């Protein structure tokens, strides 16, 4: 039991002294009113929402059944309440450990925990009110070191959800033996050494460059394939041209000449800097000078 919960050596002396002090205050006018107002605080206590109280008594020690929310009676110096917060609370634990490939990694784990109300008496007997500071750091460090050592540094990044689940299962199982319920476990920070972080960055750059070179090779292959297709098309067109000339003479050449002349004429007609002069005539272009007079 906690030292402050130990029973006094002479309880009747304290009770007698308390009654004497209350009697003295009652005979001092306004001081008597203050004494009357202080009586409820001595003989009553409140259990707020999200709390439970274990009662230590001088006659029977710590009672197993916790007090629920509300206002309850007590006898001063004979009964002492021990208050527990049973709401879910957060607790963050940082750990430095090594991976399977001997890389140093820093992990911060956030726990969401609460005490098991049904086993509150056992928890108080084994650990006391400050149970989280006595148990959680040691348990979490042990579980984290054992699980992280099973993975490579890179696997911790790619399999983070699986690692987090294994850590949660391990911590939950260990804390349940002491009457502590783990609601959630989350990895909030995962930091590596500067050397390893630089190696990861260089690897990512190399992978990106490899992908770039792969794209360039594919592009060149596509260009080569396109050139082959164009060459095959030109060869087939030439073969058809030769076959046509053999079959129909130079008529196909005249047709192509007319088509080419038509394209040239259309191009020149759309040009703004082309001037047409009548053929077979002498045309005198005046340059606007008065010379030769």
Protein backbone atom coordinates (compact mmCIF):
# COMPACT_ATOMS: atom_id res chain seq x y z
CA UNK A 1 0.00 0.00 0.00
CA UNK A 2 1.04 3.62 -0.51
CA UNK A 3 2.79 5.15 2.54
CA UNK A 4 0.27 7.96 2.81
CA UNK A 5 -2.53 5.42 3.14
CA UNK A 6 -1.05 3.76 6.22
CA UNK A 7 -3.21 3.95 9.35
CA UNK A 8 -2.22 6.46 12.05
CA UNK A 9 -0.79 5.05 15.27
CA UNK A 10 -3.35 6.72 17.54
CA UNK A 11 -6.65 7.28 15.62
CA UNK A 12 -8.67 8.22 18.72
CA UNK A 13 -6.27 11.08 19.42
CA UNK A 14 -6.83 12.57 15.95
CA UNK A 15 -10.60 12.17 16.20
CA UNK A 16 -10.66 13.75 19.64
CA UNK A 17 -8.47 16.61 18.46
CA UNK A 18 -10.75 17.24 15.48
CA UNK A 19 -13.86 17.37 17.68
CA UNK A 20 -12.10 19.75 20.11
CA UNK A 21 -11.09 22.09 17.29
CA UNK A 22 -14.64 22.11 15.91
CA UNK A 23 -16.00 22.94 19.38
CA UNK A 24 -13.55 25.83 19.77
CA UNK A 25 -14.52 27.25 16.39
CA UNK A 26 -18.22 26.92 17.17
CA UNK A 27 -17.86 29.28 20.14
CA UNK A 28 -16.23 32.12 18.25
CA UNK A 29 -19.12 34.00 16.65
CA UNK A 30 -18.57 34.22 12.93
CA UNK A 31 -15.84 31.65 13.25
CA UNK A 32 -18.53 29.23 14.34
CA UNK A 33 -20.33 29.72 11.01
CA UNK A 34 -17.12 28.88 9.14
CA UNK A 35 -16.78 25.71 11.19
CA UNK A 36 -20.35 24.69 10.38
CA UNK A 37 -19.70 25.32 6.66
CA UNK A 38 -16.55 23.17 6.80
CA UNK A 39 -18.38 20.18 8.27
CA UNK A 40 -19.75 18.89 4.88
CA UNK A 41 -16.23 18.97 3.37
CA UNK A 42 -14.98 16.78 6.21
CA UNK A 43 -17.79 14.23 6.05
CA UNK A 44 -18.55 14.19 2.29
CA UNK A 45 -16.63 13.72 -0.96
CA UNK A 46 -17.54 13.89 -4.65
CA UNK A 47 -16.73 11.48 -7.48
CA UNK A 48 -16.71 13.47 -10.73
CA UNK A 49 -17.59 12.20 -14.21
CA UNK A 50 -14.94 9.86 -15.56
CA UNK A 51 -13.57 9.01 -12.11
CA UNK A 52 -13.76 6.15 -9.66
CA UNK A 53 -12.76 6.13 -5.99
CA UNK A 54 -11.29 3.32 -3.92
CA UNK A 55 -11.93 3.82 -0.20
CA UNK A 56 -9.29 3.01 2.40
CA UNK A 57 -10.65 2.50 5.90
CA UNK A 58 -8.79 2.21 9.15
CA UNK A 59 -10.65 -0.97 10.08
CA UNK A 60 -10.68 -3.02 6.85
CA UNK A 61 -8.04 -1.44 4.62
CA UNK A 62 -8.73 -0.83 0.92
CA UNK A 63 -12.22 -1.84 -0.21
CA UNK A 64 -12.53 -3.74 -3.47
CA UNK A 65 -15.72 -2.12 -4.77
CA UNK A 66 -15.06 1.36 -6.24
CA UNK A 67 -17.37 4.29 -5.59
CA UNK A 68 -19.38 5.46 -8.61
CA UNK A 69 -20.02 9.06 -9.67
CA UNK A 70 -21.86 11.21 -7.19
CA UNK A 71 -21.60 12.49 -3.60
CA UNK A 72 -20.76 10.05 -0.78
CA UNK A 73 -20.25 10.12 2.98
CA UNK A 74 -16.97 9.53 4.78
CA UNK A 75 -15.52 9.80 8.27
CA UNK A 76 -12.44 12.02 8.45
CA UNK A 77 -9.17 10.33 9.42
CA UNK A 78 -10.97 7.00 9.46
CA UNK A 79 -11.76 6.82 5.72
CA UNK A 80 -9.51 8.13 2.95
CA UNK A 81 -10.62 8.16 -0.73
CA UNK A 82 -8.16 7.28 -3.52
CA UNK A 83 -9.30 8.84 -6.81
CA UNK A 84 -8.63 7.27 -10.21
CA UNK A 85 -9.21 8.84 -13.63
CA UNK A 86 -10.88 6.16 -15.76
CA UNK A 87 -11.19 8.23 -18.95
CA UNK A 88 -9.03 7.37 -21.98
CA UNK A 89 -5.78 9.36 -21.87
CA UNK A 90 -2.85 9.78 -24.24
CA UNK A 91 0.73 8.84 -23.41
CA UNK A 92 3.63 9.32 -25.85
CA UNK A 93 6.80 7.25 -25.58
CA UNK A 94 9.99 7.93 -27.62
CA UNK A 95 12.37 5.04 -28.29
CA UNK A 96 15.76 4.68 -29.99
CA UNK A 97 16.37 1.19 -31.33
CA UNK A 98 18.03 -0.75 -34.15
CA UNK A 99 16.56 -2.47 -37.19
CA UNK A 100 17.38 -5.88 -38.65
CA UNK A 101 19.98 -4.34 -40.99
CA UNK A 102 21.65 -2.47 -38.08
CA UNK A 103 20.18 0.95 -38.85
CA UNK A 104 19.44 3.29 -35.95
CA UNK A 105 15.83 4.47 -35.89
CA UNK A 106 13.90 6.77 -33.57
CA UNK A 107 10.21 5.92 -33.03
CA UNK A 108 7.56 7.86 -31.13
CA UNK A 109 4.49 5.83 -30.15
CA UNK A 110 1.27 7.38 -28.83
CA UNK A 111 -0.88 5.22 -26.58
CA UNK A 112 -4.53 5.79 -25.71
CA UNK A 113 -5.15 3.92 -22.44
CA UNK A 114 -7.45 3.70 -19.41
CA UNK A 115 -7.64 1.51 -16.32
CA UNK A 116 -9.99 -1.45 -16.17
CA UNK A 117 -12.62 -0.42 -13.61
CA UNK A 118 -13.39 -4.03 -12.71
CA UNK A 119 -9.73 -4.62 -11.78
CA UNK A 120 -9.01 -1.26 -10.20
CA UNK A 121 -8.29 -2.78 -6.77
CA UNK A 122 -5.63 -5.12 -8.24
CA UNK A 123 -4.06 -2.25 -10.19
CA UNK A 124 -3.77 -0.13 -7.06
CA UNK A 125 -2.28 -2.96 -5.03
CA UNK A 126 0.41 -3.71 -7.66
CA UNK A 127 1.28 -0.29 -9.13
CA UNK A 128 -0.57 2.51 -7.35
CA UNK A 129 -2.12 5.72 -8.64
CA UNK A 130 0.82 6.62 -10.94
CA UNK A 131 0.66 3.27 -12.70
CA UNK A 132 1.19 4.69 -16.20
CA UNK A 133 4.64 6.13 -15.41
CA UNK A 134 5.70 2.89 -13.73
CA UNK A 135 4.51 0.44 -16.39
CA UNK A 136 3.97 1.96 -19.84
CA UNK A 137 7.54 3.17 -20.62
CA UNK A 138 9.17 -0.15 -19.75
CA UNK A 139 6.58 -2.29 -21.53
CA UNK A 140 6.52 -0.12 -24.67
CA UNK A 141 10.31 0.04 -24.96
CA UNK A 142 10.59 -3.72 -24.67
CA UNK A 143 7.86 -4.40 -27.27
CA UNK A 144 9.17 -1.77 -29.70
CA UNK A 145 12.76 -3.04 -29.59
CA UNK A 146 11.72 -6.67 -30.11
CA UNK A 147 9.39 -5.92 -33.07
CA UNK A 148 11.53 -3.32 -34.86
CA UNK A 149 14.51 -5.70 -34.75
CA UNK A 150 12.53 -8.09 -37.00
CA UNK A 151 12.32 -5.63 -39.93
CA UNK A 152 14.74 -3.84 -42.21
CA UNK A 153 14.80 -0.06 -42.15
CA UNK A 154 13.11 0.16 -45.55
CA UNK A 155 10.44 -2.35 -44.52
CA UNK A 156 9.42 -0.10 -41.65
CA UNK A 157 8.34 2.46 -44.25
CA UNK A 158 6.66 0.12 -46.71
CA UNK A 159 5.01 -2.08 -44.04
CA UNK A 160 4.23 0.60 -41.48
CA UNK A 161 0.61 -0.49 -40.94
CA UNK A 162 1.63 -4.09 -40.25
CA UNK A 163 4.38 -3.00 -37.84
CA UNK A 164 1.94 -0.72 -36.01
CA UNK A 165 -0.55 -3.59 -35.64
CA UNK A 166 2.10 -5.92 -34.19
CA UNK A 167 3.21 -3.25 -31.73
CA UNK A 168 -0.41 -2.68 -30.68
CA UNK A 169 -1.05 -6.39 -30.14
CA UNK A 170 2.11 -6.79 -28.07
CA UNK A 171 1.48 -3.76 -25.84
CA UNK A 172 -2.21 -4.63 -25.40
CA UNK A 173 -1.41 -8.17 -24.31
CA UNK A 174 1.22 -7.10 -21.78
CA UNK A 175 -0.83 -4.24 -20.27
CA UNK A 176 -3.93 -6.40 -19.95
CA UNK A 177 -2.11 -8.51 -17.37
CA UNK A 178 -1.95 -5.47 -15.08
CA UNK A 179 -5.52 -4.27 -15.62
CA UNK A 180 -4.78 -1.54 -18.19
CA UNK A 181 -6.89 -1.33 -21.35
CA UNK A 182 -5.13 -0.04 -24.51
CA UNK A 183 -7.61 1.69 -26.79
CA UNK A 184 -5.22 2.65 -29.60
CA UNK A 185 -1.54 2.58 -30.57
CA UNK A 186 -0.14 4.85 -33.29
CA UNK A 187 3.37 5.53 -34.63
CA UNK A 188 3.59 9.33 -34.71
CA UNK A 189 7.29 9.74 -35.63
CA UNK A 190 9.70 7.49 -37.53
CA UNK A 191 13.12 9.07 -38.05
CA UNK A 192 16.34 7.55 -39.39
CA UNK A 193 19.95 8.65 -39.19
CA UNK A 194 21.18 11.34 -41.60
CA UNK A 195 23.33 8.84 -43.49
CA UNK A 196 20.44 6.47 -44.09
CA UNK A 197 18.07 9.29 -45.07
CA UNK A 198 20.67 10.47 -47.61
CA UNK A 199 21.02 6.93 -48.96
CA UNK A 200 17.25 6.67 -49.42
CA UNK A 201 17.20 10.01 -51.25
CA UNK A 202 20.03 8.93 -53.57
CA UNK A 203 18.25 5.65 -54.26
CA UNK A 204 15.06 7.47 -55.18
CA UNK A 205 17.02 9.76 -57.53
CA UNK A 206 18.68 6.72 -59.15
CA UNK A 207 15.30 5.02 -59.61
CA UNK A 208 13.87 8.15 -61.21
CA UNK A 209 16.86 8.37 -63.57
CA UNK A 210 16.45 4.69 -64.48
CA UNK A 211 12.80 5.30 -65.29
CA UNK A 212 13.81 8.30 -67.42
CA UNK A 213 16.36 6.24 -69.37
CA UNK A 214 13.80 3.50 -69.84
CA UNK A 215 11.39 6.05 -71.31
CA UNK A 216 14.10 7.36 -73.66
CA UNK A 217 14.84 3.82 -74.90
CA UNK A 218 11.16 3.18 -75.52
CA UNK A 219 10.88 6.52 -77.37
CA UNK A 220 13.84 5.65 -79.62
CA UNK A 221 12.35 2.25 -80.36
CA UNK A 222 9.10 3.91 -81.35
CA UNK A 223 10.97 6.34 -83.62
CA UNK A 224 12.85 3.46 -85.22
CA UNK A 225 9.62 1.57 -85.78
CA UNK A 226 8.01 4.66 -87.30
CA UNK A 227 11.00 5.11 -89.69
CA UNK A 228 10.74 1.48 -90.76
CA UNK A 229 7.04 1.88 -91.44
CA UNK A 230 7.68 5.06 -93.47
CA UNK A 231 10.44 3.34 -95.49
CA UNK A 232 8.21 0.39 -96.21
CA UNK A 233 5.48 2.78 -97.30
CA UNK A 234 7.87 4.69 -99.63
CA UNK A 235 9.17 1.44 -101.10
CA UNK A 236 5.65 0.22 -101.72
CA UNK A 237 4.71 3.56 -103.30
CA UNK A 238 7.78 3.43 -105.58
CA UNK A 239 6.96 -0.10 -106.59
CA UNK A 240 3.43 0.92 -107.47
CA UNK A 241 4.81 3.88 -109.47
CA UNK A 242 7.09 1.61 -111.47
CA UNK A 243 4.24 -0.82 -112.09
CA UNK A 244 2.00 2.03 -113.29
CA UNK A 245 4.66 3.36 -115.72
CA UNK A 246 5.16 -0.08 -117.12
CA UNK A 247 1.45 -0.55 -117.58
CA UNK A 248 0.31 2.91 -118.72
CA UNK A 249 3.46 4.62 -119.95
CA UNK A 250 4.23 8.20 -119.00
CA UNK A 251 0.64 9.15 -118.41
CA UNK A 252 0.98 8.70 -114.66
CA UNK A 253 3.99 11.06 -114.70
CA UNK A 254 1.97 13.74 -116.49
CA UNK A 255 -0.82 13.34 -113.93
CA UNK A 256 1.64 13.82 -111.06
CA UNK A 257 3.15 16.86 -112.87
CA UNK A 258 -0.27 18.46 -113.23
CA UNK A 259 -1.03 17.81 -109.53
CA UNK A 260 2.31 19.34 -108.53
CA UNK A 261 1.72 22.39 -110.74
CA UNK A 262 -1.71 22.85 -109.21
CA UNK A 263 -0.26 22.78 -105.68
CA UNK A 264 2.45 25.31 -106.66
CA UNK A 265 -0.12 27.63 -108.22
CA UNK A 266 -2.30 27.51 -105.12
CA UNK A 267 0.71 28.28 -102.91
CA UNK A 268 1.80 31.24 -105.06
CA UNK A 269 -1.75 32.59 -105.24
CA UNK A 270 -1.90 32.83 -101.44
CA UNK A 271 1.50 34.55 -101.20
CA UNK A 272 1.38 38.35 -100.66
CA UNK A 273 4.78 39.20 -102.18
CA UNK A 274 4.23 37.64 -105.64
CA UNK A 275 3.59 39.87 -108.70
CA UNK A 276 2.30 38.49 -112.00
CA UNK A 277 3.42 40.15 -115.31
CA UNK A 278 1.88 39.48 -118.69
CA UNK A 279 4.09 37.38 -120.92
CA UNK A 280 5.35 38.40 -124.39
CA UNK A 281 5.08 42.14 -123.72
CA UNK A 282 7.58 44.91 -122.94
CA UNK A 283 6.65 46.44 -119.68
CA UNK A 284 8.26 49.67 -118.54
CA UNK A 285 8.47 49.97 -114.82
CA UNK A 286 8.72 53.56 -113.64
CA UNK A 287 10.98 53.95 -110.65
CA UNK A 288 9.85 57.55 -110.07
CA UNK A 289 13.07 59.31 -111.08
CA UNK A 290 13.66 62.52 -113.19
CA UNK A 291 17.14 61.52 -114.34
CA UNK A 292 18.21 61.50 -118.03
CA UNK A 293 16.64 64.88 -118.75
